[in-house]
C-alpha atoms as a PDB file:
ATOM      1  CA  UNK A   1      61.856 -23.652  28.603  1.00  0.00           C
ATOM      2  CA  UNK A   2      65.317 -22.200  28.117  1.00  0.00           C
ATOM      3  CA  UNK A   3      68.033 -24.748  28.494  1.00  0.00           C
ATOM      4  CA  UNK A   4      71.662 -24.090  29.258  1.00  0.00           C
ATOM      5  CA  UNK A   5      74.803 -26.181  29.519  1.00  0.00           C
ATOM      6  CA  UNK A   6      78.436 -25.259  30.351  1.00  0.00           C
ATOM      7  CA  UNK A   7      79.986 -21.940  29.490  1.00  0.00           C
ATOM      8  CA  UNK A   8      80.153 -21.087  25.799  1.00  0.00           C
ATOM      9  CA  UNK A   9      82.956 -22.463  23.667  1.00  0.00           C
ATOM     10  CA  UNK A  10      84.695 -20.279  21.268  1.00  0.00           C
ATOM     11  CA  UNK A  11      82.998 -21.684  18.197  1.00  0.00           C
ATOM     12  CA  UNK A  12      80.009 -23.913  18.866  1.00  0.00           C
ATOM     13  CA  UNK A  13      76.335 -23.503  20.119  1.00  0.00           C
ATOM     14  CA  UNK A  14      74.996 -26.873  19.400  1.00  0.00           C
ATOM     15  CA  UNK A  15      76.656 -30.199  18.756  1.00  0.00           C
ATOM     16  CA  UNK A  16      74.489 -33.197  17.882  1.00  0.00           C
ATOM     17  CA  UNK A  17      75.957 -36.844  17.508  1.00  0.00           C
ATOM     18  CA  UNK A  18      74.172 -39.922  16.434  1.00  0.00           C
ATOM     19  CA  UNK A  19      70.753 -38.543  17.798  1.00  0.00           C
ATOM     20  CA  UNK A  20      67.815 -40.725  17.628  1.00  0.00           C
ATOM     21  CA  UNK A  21      64.266 -40.428  18.916  1.00  0.00           C
ATOM     22  CA  UNK A  22      61.813 -43.247  19.048  1.00  0.00           C
ATOM     23  CA  UNK A  23      58.055 -42.820  19.800  1.00  0.00           C
ATOM     24  CA  UNK A  24      55.973 -45.808  20.835  1.00  0.00           C
ATOM     25  CA  UNK A  25      52.715 -45.808  18.902  1.00  0.00           C
ATOM     26  CA  UNK A  26      50.623 -47.239  21.690  1.00  0.00           C
ATOM     27  CA  UNK A  27      49.756 -50.482  23.273  1.00  0.00           C
ATOM     28  CA  UNK A  28      47.513 -53.613  22.311  1.00  0.00           C
ATOM     29  CA  UNK A  29      45.289 -55.109  24.748  1.00  0.00           C
ATOM     30  CA  UNK A  30      44.485 -58.725  24.718  1.00  0.00           C
ATOM     31  CA  UNK A  31      41.863 -60.344  27.119  1.00  0.00           C
ATOM     32  CA  UNK A  32      42.473 -63.838  28.279  1.00  0.00           C
ATOM     33  CA  UNK A  33      40.185 -65.771  30.439  1.00  0.00           C
ATOM     34  CA  UNK A  34      41.541 -67.802  33.397  1.00  0.00           C
ATOM     35  CA  UNK A  35      39.594 -69.990  35.827  1.00  0.00           C
ATOM     36  CA  UNK A  36      38.672 -67.180  38.193  1.00  0.00           C
ATOM     37  CA  UNK A  37      39.332 -63.760  36.406  1.00  0.00           C
ATOM     38  CA  UNK A  38      39.682 -61.849  33.128  1.00  0.00           C
ATOM     39  CA  UNK A  39      43.390 -61.041  32.556  1.00  0.00           C
ATOM     40  CA  UNK A  40      44.483 -58.034  30.523  1.00  0.00           C
ATOM     41  CA  UNK A  41      47.772 -58.555  28.691  1.00  0.00           C
ATOM     42  CA  UNK A  42      49.545 -55.589  27.293  1.00  0.00           C
ATOM     43  CA  UNK A  43      51.737 -55.816  24.339  1.00  0.00           C
ATOM     44  CA  UNK A  44      53.751 -52.988  23.190  1.00  0.00           C
ATOM     45  CA  UNK A  45      53.281 -51.856  19.721  1.00  0.00           C
ATOM     46  CA  UNK A  46      56.491 -51.277  17.844  1.00  0.00           C
ATOM     47  CA  UNK A  47      57.164 -47.515  17.589  1.00  0.00           C
ATOM     48  CA  UNK A  48      58.872 -45.575  14.849  1.00  0.00           C
ATOM     49  CA  UNK A  49      62.229 -43.628  14.756  1.00  0.00           C
ATOM     50  CA  UNK A  50      61.320 -39.881  14.137  1.00  0.00           C
ATOM     51  CA  UNK A  51      65.060 -39.158  14.068  1.00  0.00           C
ATOM     52  CA  UNK A  52      67.750 -41.625  12.941  1.00  0.00           C
ATOM     53  CA  UNK A  53      71.500 -41.210  13.513  1.00  0.00           C
ATOM     54  CA  UNK A  54      71.394 -37.324  13.292  1.00  0.00           C
ATOM     55  CA  UNK A  55      74.757 -35.572  13.502  1.00  0.00           C
ATOM     56  CA  UNK A  56      75.685 -32.027  12.961  1.00  0.00           C
ATOM     57  CA  UNK A  57      77.001 -28.834  14.553  1.00  0.00           C
ATOM     58  CA  UNK A  58      75.789 -25.274  14.625  1.00  0.00           C
ATOM     59  CA  UNK A  59      78.452 -22.722  15.104  1.00  0.00           C
ATOM     60  CA  UNK A  60      78.191 -20.008  17.539  1.00  0.00           C
ATOM     61  CA  UNK A  61      76.516 -17.026  15.892  1.00  0.00           C
ATOM     62  CA  UNK A  62      75.179 -18.825  12.923  1.00  0.00           C
ATOM     63  CA  UNK A  63      71.801 -18.079  11.127  1.00  0.00           C
ATOM     64  CA  UNK A  64      70.934 -21.779  10.724  1.00  0.00           C
ATOM     65  CA  UNK A  65      67.921 -22.860   8.672  1.00  0.00           C
ATOM     66  CA  UNK A  66      66.116 -26.358   8.821  1.00  0.00           C
ATOM     67  CA  UNK A  67      63.985 -27.505   5.958  1.00  0.00           C
ATOM     68  CA  UNK A  68      62.149 -30.669   5.132  1.00  0.00           C
ATOM     69  CA  UNK A  69      58.674 -32.062   4.387  1.00  0.00           C
ATOM     70  CA  UNK A  70      55.968 -32.806   6.890  1.00  0.00           C
ATOM     71  CA  UNK A  71      57.067 -35.719   9.010  1.00  0.00           C
ATOM     72  CA  UNK A  72      60.781 -35.288   8.241  1.00  0.00           C
ATOM     73  CA  UNK A  73      61.634 -34.845  11.981  1.00  0.00           C
ATOM     74  CA  UNK A  74      62.106 -31.077  12.046  1.00  0.00           C
ATOM     75  CA  UNK A  75      59.870 -30.440  15.069  1.00  0.00           C
ATOM     76  CA  UNK A  76      61.102 -33.364  16.909  1.00  0.00           C
ATOM     77  CA  UNK A  77      64.615 -32.120  16.494  1.00  0.00           C
ATOM     78  CA  UNK A  78      63.944 -28.694  17.633  1.00  0.00           C
ATOM     79  CA  UNK A  79      62.091 -30.166  20.679  1.00  0.00           C
ATOM     80  CA  UNK A  80      65.104 -32.224  21.667  1.00  0.00           C
ATOM     81  CA  UNK A  81      67.532 -29.339  21.288  1.00  0.00           C
ATOM     82  CA  UNK A  82      65.268 -27.258  23.334  1.00  0.00           C
ATOM     83  CA  UNK A  83      64.994 -29.890  26.186  1.00  0.00           C
ATOM     84  CA  UNK A  84      61.312 -30.545  25.727  1.00  0.00           C
ATOM     85  CA  UNK A  85      61.853 -34.091  24.573  1.00  0.00           C
ATOM     86  CA  UNK A  86      64.538 -36.638  25.595  1.00  0.00           C
ATOM     87  CA  UNK A  87      66.640 -38.337  23.042  1.00  0.00           C
ATOM     88  CA  UNK A  88      66.470 -42.157  22.588  1.00  0.00           C
ATOM     89  CA  UNK A  89      69.980 -42.430  21.376  1.00  0.00           C
ATOM     90  CA  UNK A  90      73.009 -40.187  20.744  1.00  0.00           C
ATOM     91  CA  UNK A  91      74.325 -37.017  22.452  1.00  0.00           C
ATOM     92  CA  UNK A  92      73.065 -33.558  22.572  1.00  0.00           C
ATOM     93  CA  UNK A  93      75.362 -30.781  23.736  1.00  0.00           C
ATOM     94  CA  UNK A  94      74.000 -27.122  23.955  1.00  0.00           C
ATOM     95  CA  UNK A  95      76.011 -24.222  25.236  1.00  0.00           C
ATOM     96  CA  UNK A  96      74.530 -21.148  26.773  1.00  0.00           C
ATOM     97  CA  UNK A  97      70.961 -20.208  27.259  1.00  0.00           C
ATOM     98  CA  UNK A  98      68.401 -21.492  24.638  1.00  0.00           C
ATOM     99  CA  UNK A  99      65.065 -19.663  24.193  1.00  0.00           C
ATOM    100  CA  UNK A 100      62.646 -21.656  21.988  1.00  0.00           C
ATOM    101  CA  UNK A 101      59.489 -20.587  20.337  1.00  0.00           C
ATOM    102  CA  UNK A 102      58.311 -23.806  18.797  1.00  0.00           C
ATOM    103  CA  UNK A 103      54.576 -23.328  18.411  1.00  0.00           C
ATOM    104  CA  UNK A 104      52.238 -20.341  18.304  1.00  0.00           C
ATOM    105  CA  UNK A 105      49.959 -20.127  21.228  1.00  0.00           C
ATOM    106  CA  UNK A 106      51.981 -22.626  23.484  1.00  0.00           C
ATOM    107  CA  UNK A 107      51.415 -21.680  27.110  1.00  0.00           C
ATOM    108  CA  UNK A 108      48.613 -19.328  26.276  1.00  0.00           C
ATOM    109  CA  UNK A 109      45.073 -19.446  28.062  1.00  0.00           C
ATOM    110  CA  UNK A 110      42.029 -18.077  26.200  1.00  0.00           C
ATOM    111  CA  UNK A 111      40.441 -16.678  29.443  1.00  0.00           C
ATOM    112  CA  UNK A 112      43.510 -14.708  30.407  1.00  0.00           C
ATOM    113  CA  UNK A 113      44.407 -11.202  28.912  1.00  0.00           C
ATOM    114  CA  UNK A 114      47.128 -10.369  26.585  1.00  0.00           C
ATOM    115  CA  UNK A 115      48.958  -8.869  29.586  1.00  0.00           C
ATOM    116  CA  UNK A 116      48.472 -11.958  31.762  1.00  0.00           C
ATOM    117  CA  UNK A 117      49.518 -14.345  29.020  1.00  0.00           C
ATOM    118  CA  UNK A 118      52.745 -12.526  28.297  1.00  0.00           C
ATOM    119  CA  UNK A 119      53.707 -12.844  32.021  1.00  0.00           C
ATOM    120  CA  UNK A 120      52.528 -16.521  31.650  1.00  0.00           C
ATOM    121  CA  UNK A 121      54.710 -17.187  28.529  1.00  0.00           C
ATOM    122  CA  UNK A 122      57.618 -15.464  30.119  1.00  0.00           C
ATOM    123  CA  UNK A 123      57.293 -18.027  33.175  1.00  0.00           C
ATOM    124  CA  UNK A 124      57.184 -20.941  30.815  1.00  0.00           C
ATOM    125  CA  UNK A 125      60.297 -19.601  29.087  1.00  0.00           C
ATOM    126  CA  UNK A 126      61.851 -19.547  32.598  1.00  0.00           C
ATOM    127  CA  UNK A 127      61.817 -15.920  33.106  1.00  0.00           C
ATOM    128  CA  UNK A 128      60.644 -14.352  36.511  1.00  0.00           C
ATOM    129  CA  UNK A 129      57.751 -11.878  36.551  1.00  0.00           C
ATOM    130  CA  UNK A 130      60.294  -9.113  37.679  1.00  0.00           C
ATOM    131  CA  UNK A 131      62.183  -9.552  34.536  1.00  0.00           C
ATOM    132  CA  UNK A 132      59.260  -9.749  32.189  1.00  0.00           C
ATOM    133  CA  UNK A 133      57.135  -6.750  33.420  1.00  0.00           C
ATOM    134  CA  UNK A 134      59.722  -4.129  32.633  1.00  0.00           C
ATOM    135  CA  UNK A 135      59.782  -5.422  28.969  1.00  0.00           C
ATOM    136  CA  UNK A 136      56.141  -5.134  28.673  1.00  0.00           C
ATOM    137  CA  UNK A 137      56.073  -1.828  26.863  1.00  0.00           C
ATOM    138  CA  UNK A 138      58.612  -3.006  24.268  1.00  0.00           C
ATOM    139  CA  UNK A 139      56.709  -6.235  23.805  1.00  0.00           C
ATOM    140  CA  UNK A 140      53.319  -4.462  23.472  1.00  0.00           C
ATOM    141  CA  UNK A 141      54.852  -2.005  20.896  1.00  0.00           C
ATOM    142  CA  UNK A 142      56.597  -4.625  18.771  1.00  0.00           C
ATOM    143  CA  UNK A 143      53.484  -6.885  18.707  1.00  0.00           C
ATOM    144  CA  UNK A 144      51.287  -3.786  18.024  1.00  0.00           C
ATOM    145  CA  UNK A 145      48.594  -5.071  20.367  1.00  0.00           C
ATOM    146  CA  UNK A 146      48.395  -2.173  22.873  1.00  0.00           C
ATOM    147  CA  UNK A 147      44.633  -1.507  22.308  1.00  0.00           C
ATOM    148  CA  UNK A 148      43.981  -5.228  23.133  1.00  0.00           C
ATOM    149  CA  UNK A 149      46.498  -5.790  25.979  1.00  0.00           C
ATOM    150  CA  UNK A 150      43.727  -6.244  28.505  1.00  0.00           C
ATOM    151  CA  UNK A 151      41.319  -8.173  26.217  1.00  0.00           C
ATOM    152  CA  UNK A 152      41.004 -12.070  26.830  1.00  0.00           C
ATOM    153  CA  UNK A 153      43.215 -13.924  24.412  1.00  0.00           C
ATOM    154  CA  UNK A 154      40.301 -15.878  23.152  1.00  0.00           C
ATOM    155  CA  UNK A 155      39.299 -12.677  21.084  1.00  0.00           C
ATOM    156  CA  UNK A 156      42.686 -12.483  19.532  1.00  0.00           C
ATOM    157  CA  UNK A 157      43.152 -13.839  15.888  1.00  0.00           C
ATOM    158  CA  UNK A 158      45.890 -16.394  15.354  1.00  0.00           C
ATOM    159  CA  UNK A 159      48.026 -13.759  13.739  1.00  0.00           C
ATOM    160  CA  UNK A 160      47.636 -11.480  16.895  1.00  0.00           C
ATOM    161  CA  UNK A 161      48.613 -14.454  19.148  1.00  0.00           C
ATOM    162  CA  UNK A 162      51.726 -15.196  16.824  1.00  0.00           C
ATOM    163  CA  UNK A 163      52.685 -11.451  17.284  1.00  0.00           C
ATOM    164  CA  UNK A 164      52.719 -11.711  20.975  1.00  0.00           C
ATOM    165  CA  UNK A 165      54.442 -14.879  20.982  1.00  0.00           C
ATOM    166  CA  UNK A 166      57.309 -13.734  18.797  1.00  0.00           C
ATOM    167  CA  UNK A 167      57.503 -10.297  20.496  1.00  0.00           C
ATOM    168  CA  UNK A 168      57.777 -11.997  24.005  1.00  0.00           C
ATOM    169  CA  UNK A 169      60.382 -14.385  22.753  1.00  0.00           C
ATOM    170  CA  UNK A 170      62.731 -11.866  21.226  1.00  0.00           C
ATOM    171  CA  UNK A 171      62.610  -9.331  23.909  1.00  0.00           C
ATOM    172  CA  UNK A 172      64.654 -11.555  26.256  1.00  0.00           C
ATOM    173  CA  UNK A 173      68.352 -12.237  26.026  1.00  0.00           C
ATOM    174  CA  UNK A 174      69.502 -15.751  25.085  1.00  0.00           C
ATOM    175  CA  UNK A 175      72.518 -17.250  23.367  1.00  0.00           C
ATOM    176  CA  UNK A 176      70.410 -19.304  20.977  1.00  0.00           C
ATOM    177  CA  UNK A 177      66.876 -18.595  19.747  1.00  0.00           C
ATOM    178  CA  UNK A 178      64.944 -21.372  18.082  1.00  0.00           C
ATOM    179  CA  UNK A 179      61.843 -20.568  15.874  1.00  0.00           C
ATOM    180  CA  UNK A 180      59.548 -23.257  14.524  1.00  0.00           C
ATOM    181  CA  UNK A 181      57.014 -21.912  11.966  1.00  0.00           C
ATOM    182  CA  UNK A 182      56.137 -19.005  14.167  1.00  0.00           C
ATOM    183  CA  UNK A 183      55.786 -16.472  11.108  1.00  0.00           C
ATOM    184  CA  UNK A 184      53.407 -18.667   9.099  1.00  0.00           C
ATOM    185  CA  UNK A 185      50.284 -16.828  10.159  1.00  0.00           C
ATOM    186  CA  UNK A 186      51.500 -13.352  10.383  1.00  0.00           C
ATOM    187  CA  UNK A 187      50.982 -10.627   7.665  1.00  0.00           C
ATOM    188  CA  UNK A 188      53.828  -9.516   5.373  1.00  0.00           C
ATOM    189  CA  UNK A 189      54.582  -6.232   7.281  1.00  0.00           C
ATOM    190  CA  UNK A 190      54.884  -7.855  10.535  1.00  0.00           C
ATOM    191  CA  UNK A 191      56.961 -10.832   9.008  1.00  0.00           C
ATOM    192  CA  UNK A 192      59.425  -8.312   7.592  1.00  0.00           C
ATOM    193  CA  UNK A 193      59.695  -6.652  10.960  1.00  0.00           C
ATOM    194  CA  UNK A 194      60.389 -10.023  12.581  1.00  0.00           C
ATOM    195  CA  UNK A 195      63.011 -10.824   9.876  1.00  0.00           C
ATOM    196  CA  UNK A 196      64.716  -7.518  10.603  1.00  0.00           C
ATOM    197  CA  UNK A 197      64.720  -8.274  14.340  1.00  0.00           C
ATOM    198  CA  UNK A 198      66.151 -11.869  13.756  1.00  0.00           C
ATOM    199  CA  UNK A 199      68.844 -10.290  11.713  1.00  0.00           C
ATOM    200  CA  UNK A 200      69.597  -7.790  14.623  1.00  0.00           C
ATOM    201  CA  UNK A 201      69.929 -10.639  17.050  1.00  0.00           C
ATOM    202  CA  UNK A 202      72.262 -12.458  14.710  1.00  0.00           C
ATOM    203  CA  UNK A 203      74.455  -9.492  13.995  1.00  0.00           C
ATOM    204  CA  UNK A 204      74.843  -9.134  17.749  1.00  0.00           C
ATOM    205  CA  UNK A 205      76.356 -12.771  17.790  1.00  0.00           C
ATOM    206  CA  UNK A 206      73.246 -14.565  18.803  1.00  0.00           C
ATOM    207  CA  UNK A 207      72.843 -17.948  17.127  1.00  0.00           C
ATOM    208  CA  UNK A 208      69.326 -18.268  15.400  1.00  0.00           C
ATOM    209  CA  UNK A 209      67.902 -21.639  14.239  1.00  0.00           C
ATOM    210  CA  UNK A 210      64.865 -21.004  11.894  1.00  0.00           C
ATOM    211  CA  UNK A 211      62.538 -23.657  10.757  1.00  0.00           C
ATOM    212  CA  UNK A 212      59.965 -23.144   8.071  1.00  0.00           C
ATOM    213  CA  UNK A 213      58.126 -24.574   5.188  1.00  0.00           C
ATOM    214  CA  UNK A 214      58.615 -21.260   3.338  1.00  0.00           C
ATOM    215  CA  UNK A 215      61.672 -22.254   1.384  1.00  0.00           C
ATOM    216  CA  UNK A 216      62.155 -18.610  -0.082  1.00  0.00           C
ATOM    217  CA  UNK A 217      62.097 -17.100   3.353  1.00  0.00           C
ATOM    218  CA  UNK A 218      64.654 -19.571   4.761  1.00  0.00           C
ATOM    219  CA  UNK A 219      66.895 -19.040   1.742  1.00  0.00           C
ATOM    220  CA  UNK A 220      66.705 -15.235   2.102  1.00  0.00           C
ATOM    221  CA  UNK A 221      67.530 -15.094   5.903  1.00  0.00           C
ATOM    222  CA  UNK A 222      69.589 -18.151   6.728  1.00  0.00           C
ATOM    223  CA  UNK A 223      73.320 -18.471   5.882  1.00  0.00           C
ATOM    224  CA  UNK A 224      73.907 -22.247   6.608  1.00  0.00           C
ATOM    225  CA  UNK A 225      71.519 -25.061   7.201  1.00  0.00           C
ATOM    226  CA  UNK A 226      70.230 -28.568   6.858  1.00  0.00           C
ATOM    227  CA  UNK A 227      67.808 -30.787   4.843  1.00  0.00           C
ATOM    228  CA  UNK A 228      65.931 -33.433   6.997  1.00  0.00           C
ATOM    229  CA  UNK A 229      64.183 -36.149   5.133  1.00  0.00           C
ATOM    230  CA  UNK A 230      62.451 -39.019   7.004  1.00  0.00           C
ATOM    231  CA  UNK A 231      64.263 -38.393  10.281  1.00  0.00           C
ATOM    232  CA  UNK A 232      67.697 -38.466   8.663  1.00  0.00           C
ATOM    233  CA  UNK A 233      70.251 -35.760   7.546  1.00  0.00           C
ATOM    234  CA  UNK A 234      70.256 -35.451   3.749  1.00  0.00           C
ATOM    235  CA  UNK A 235      72.736 -32.443   3.424  1.00  0.00           C
ATOM    236  CA  UNK A 236      74.105 -29.897   5.440  1.00  0.00           C
ATOM    237  CA  UNK A 237      76.128 -26.557   4.436  1.00  0.00           C
ATOM    238  CA  UNK A 238      75.479 -23.318   2.783  1.00  0.00           C
ATOM    239  CA  UNK A 239      71.793 -22.580   2.832  1.00  0.00           C
ATOM    240  CA  UNK A 240      71.591 -21.663  -0.833  1.00  0.00           C
ATOM    241  CA  UNK A 241      73.137 -25.159  -1.713  1.00  0.00           C
ATOM    242  CA  UNK A 242      70.838 -26.893   0.818  1.00  0.00           C
ATOM    243  CA  UNK A 243      67.726 -25.282  -0.448  1.00  0.00           C
ATOM    244  CA  UNK A 244      68.619 -26.026  -4.003  1.00  0.00           C
ATOM    245  CA  UNK A 245      69.112 -29.705  -3.275  1.00  0.00           C
ATOM    246  CA  UNK A 246      65.785 -29.830  -1.341  1.00  0.00           C
ATOM    247  CA  UNK A 247      63.912 -28.187  -4.178  1.00  0.00           C
ATOM    248  CA  UNK A 248      65.466 -30.504  -6.821  1.00  0.00           C
ATOM    249  CA  UNK A 249      64.705 -33.474  -4.679  1.00  0.00           C
ATOM    250  CA  UNK A 250      61.140 -32.625  -4.263  1.00  0.00           C
ATOM    251  CA  UNK A 251      60.742 -31.842  -7.995  1.00  0.00           C
ATOM    252  CA  UNK A 252      62.330 -35.283  -8.683  1.00  0.00           C
ATOM    253  CA  UNK A 253      59.728 -36.871  -6.441  1.00  0.00           C
ATOM    254  CA  UNK A 254      56.793 -35.183  -8.137  1.00  0.00           C
ATOM    255  CA  UNK A 255      57.963 -36.144 -11.644  1.00  0.00           C
END
């Protein structure tokens, strides 16, 4: 859901200081007999740090990319920024309204129609029905699903679901938009339309945080960014430099 903090400062949208996120892997159960009963003893299995001492800032109005291999902590980071996961250490400051779209199909229900799911997704994003319904024509036009609007979502392809997810998210105002791999399953034409829409939002002064495994796409649309590796920041700066360092690092590992 959208998160918000104090009024926007002049120069920052997000400030992260010493952020850490630890996940417990589970519990071990051991059984011990006593004279009268069987006792279950629980021992916590040591967890792992998905994020470790992460610090960076995103200026207001930036088009900020995040790159990294699977398991690097990218999704965990966007979840913490969006308020969907609590940090285990450090400090997260977010100014203004944040609208996250972190996974295609999140909040959707297969038995509901496209129209009903748009209303549902809007509610999950913290938007009242009265605010969502006037935007329905624009959402449907951008997503290109007008013929299927009253069809149950289970009949939609993953690409159609991605279209509805993205169109719903970008049709509502926010100070910062966060997108996590939402363009991975759409066709080239729709992806190009999405990129242009993201650029329009950014040109209006909105902050856009974009995460993808498509390094060429991140390099093309983002101006600044960060490389995460095993939960830690490897480098931040201009996106071209970050992308080159990331590509070189992976080439070295593969050699």
